[in-house]
């Protein structure tokens, strides 16, 4: 069983930045690709970003493209989500996920973290 633990969430003013981390209990190369998702109150969970096993392929939701960046450090078994130019609409619980998804935006992913809250103040 792979355990994923997100951290780095918090309160930030609109226009600010946050970096989320997702630490894996196993070496990330044994986990595969990683994805970031988010869920706002009253809304369905949505795809945010994806990074391939080797880190050479990234994909982003249109709503965050150009503002968010996914990266990974396999030596530290950690994946990051750098979020810049944050907007109130980015407020949500952010989750990382790991696996070998058939479709990077829809999954399925095998393992999920517990989530970390991001709140962007207007």
Protein backbone atom coordinates (compact mmCIF):
# COMPACT_ATOMS: atom_id res chain seq x y z
CA UNK A 1 0.00 0.00 0.00
CA UNK A 2 1.37 3.36 -1.03
CA UNK A 3 0.72 6.29 1.24
CA UNK A 4 0.62 9.82 -0.12
CA UNK A 5 0.68 12.82 2.19
CA UNK A 6 -0.02 16.33 0.92
CA UNK A 7 1.20 19.45 2.68
CA UNK A 8 1.66 23.13 2.01
CA UNK A 9 -1.94 24.26 1.89
CA UNK A 10 -3.18 27.34 3.67
CA UNK A 11 -4.61 30.83 3.30
CA UNK A 12 -3.27 33.19 0.66
CA UNK A 13 -4.35 36.48 -0.86
CA UNK A 14 -5.45 36.55 -4.47
CA UNK A 15 -2.44 36.95 -6.70
CA UNK A 16 -0.23 35.12 -4.25
CA UNK A 17 1.58 31.80 -4.50
CA UNK A 18 1.67 28.47 -2.72
CA UNK A 19 3.61 25.29 -3.27
CA UNK A 20 1.98 21.99 -2.37
CA UNK A 21 4.02 18.88 -1.73
CA UNK A 22 3.00 15.26 -1.97
CA UNK A 23 5.33 12.85 -0.18
CA UNK A 24 5.12 9.19 -1.10
CA UNK A 25 5.86 6.29 1.19
CA UNK A 26 7.69 4.51 -1.59
CA UNK A 27 10.16 5.58 -4.20
CA UNK A 28 8.15 7.43 -6.79
CA UNK A 29 9.57 5.57 -9.70
CA UNK A 30 7.81 2.50 -8.36
CA UNK A 31 4.53 4.39 -8.21
CA UNK A 32 4.33 5.73 -11.69
CA UNK A 33 2.66 8.86 -12.88
CA UNK A 34 1.27 11.44 -10.49
CA UNK A 35 -1.73 13.66 -10.73
CA UNK A 36 -3.12 16.61 -8.83
CA UNK A 37 -6.85 17.12 -8.40
CA UNK A 38 -9.02 19.50 -6.44
CA UNK A 39 -12.52 19.65 -5.08
CA UNK A 40 -14.32 22.81 -4.12
CA UNK A 41 -17.37 22.80 -1.82
CA UNK A 42 -20.44 21.64 -3.67
CA UNK A 43 -18.48 20.74 -6.80
CA UNK A 44 -17.12 17.57 -8.29
CA UNK A 45 -13.46 16.72 -8.05
CA UNK A 46 -11.58 18.07 -11.05
CA UNK A 47 -8.26 17.43 -12.68
CA UNK A 48 -5.52 20.01 -12.12
CA UNK A 49 -2.24 18.62 -13.43
CA UNK A 50 -0.26 15.51 -14.28
CA UNK A 51 3.36 14.47 -14.48
CA UNK A 52 4.66 11.31 -16.05
CA UNK A 53 6.82 8.69 -14.39
CA UNK A 54 10.02 10.20 -15.72
CA UNK A 55 8.82 13.75 -15.34
CA UNK A 56 9.19 14.46 -19.03
CA UNK A 57 5.48 14.92 -19.74
CA UNK A 58 3.15 17.32 -17.97
CA UNK A 59 -0.49 18.14 -18.62
CA UNK A 60 -2.64 20.86 -17.09
CA UNK A 61 -6.26 21.82 -16.89
CA UNK A 62 -7.03 24.86 -18.99
CA UNK A 63 -8.08 26.75 -15.87
CA UNK A 64 -4.57 26.56 -14.37
CA UNK A 65 -2.36 26.43 -17.45
CA UNK A 66 0.37 29.05 -17.27
CA UNK A 67 -0.15 29.55 -13.53
CA UNK A 68 0.48 26.10 -12.01
CA UNK A 69 3.49 23.86 -12.46
CA UNK A 70 3.83 20.18 -11.54
CA UNK A 71 7.28 18.78 -10.83
CA UNK A 72 8.75 15.75 -9.12
CA UNK A 73 11.90 14.85 -7.25
CA UNK A 74 12.21 11.10 -7.36
CA UNK A 75 15.20 11.16 -5.02
CA UNK A 76 12.92 12.64 -2.37
CA UNK A 77 9.85 10.65 -3.42
CA UNK A 78 7.98 13.94 -3.63
CA UNK A 79 5.82 15.65 -6.19
CA UNK A 80 5.12 19.38 -6.13
CA UNK A 81 2.41 21.70 -7.34
CA UNK A 82 3.66 25.26 -7.65
CA UNK A 83 0.66 27.60 -7.79
CA UNK A 84 1.11 31.22 -8.86
CA UNK A 85 -1.32 34.05 -9.51
CA UNK A 86 -3.89 32.36 -7.32
CA UNK A 87 -7.55 33.29 -7.69
CA UNK A 88 -10.49 32.84 -5.31
CA UNK A 89 -11.80 30.19 -7.75
CA UNK A 90 -8.73 28.09 -6.92
CA UNK A 91 -10.07 27.58 -3.40
CA UNK A 92 -10.47 23.84 -2.86
CA UNK A 93 -9.08 20.76 -1.20
CA UNK A 94 -6.16 19.59 -3.30
CA UNK A 95 -5.34 15.92 -3.66
CA UNK A 96 -2.41 14.10 -5.16
CA UNK A 97 -2.82 10.72 -6.78
CA UNK A 98 -0.48 8.05 -8.11
CA UNK A 99 -0.70 5.21 -10.56
CA UNK A 100 -0.82 4.37 -14.23
CA UNK A 101 -3.98 6.08 -15.44
CA UNK A 102 -5.53 5.16 -18.73
CA UNK A 103 -6.53 8.79 -19.10
CA UNK A 104 -4.45 11.34 -17.19
CA UNK A 105 -7.41 13.64 -16.57
CA UNK A 106 -9.86 10.93 -15.49
CA UNK A 107 -7.66 8.13 -14.21
CA UNK A 108 -8.15 5.77 -12.69
CA UNK A 109 -5.38 6.41 -10.19
CA UNK A 110 -4.48 3.70 -7.71
CA UNK A 111 -3.54 5.75 -4.67
CA UNK A 112 -4.77 9.03 -3.20
CA UNK A 113 -3.64 11.39 -0.50
CA UNK A 114 -5.91 12.81 2.19
CA UNK A 115 -5.93 16.30 0.73
CA UNK A 116 -4.80 19.73 1.81
CA UNK A 117 -6.98 22.85 1.96
CA UNK A 118 -6.12 25.87 -0.14
CA UNK A 119 -8.11 29.04 0.46
CA UNK A 120 -7.57 32.10 -1.70
CA UNK A 121 -8.90 35.33 -0.26
CA UNK A 122 -10.22 38.05 -2.53
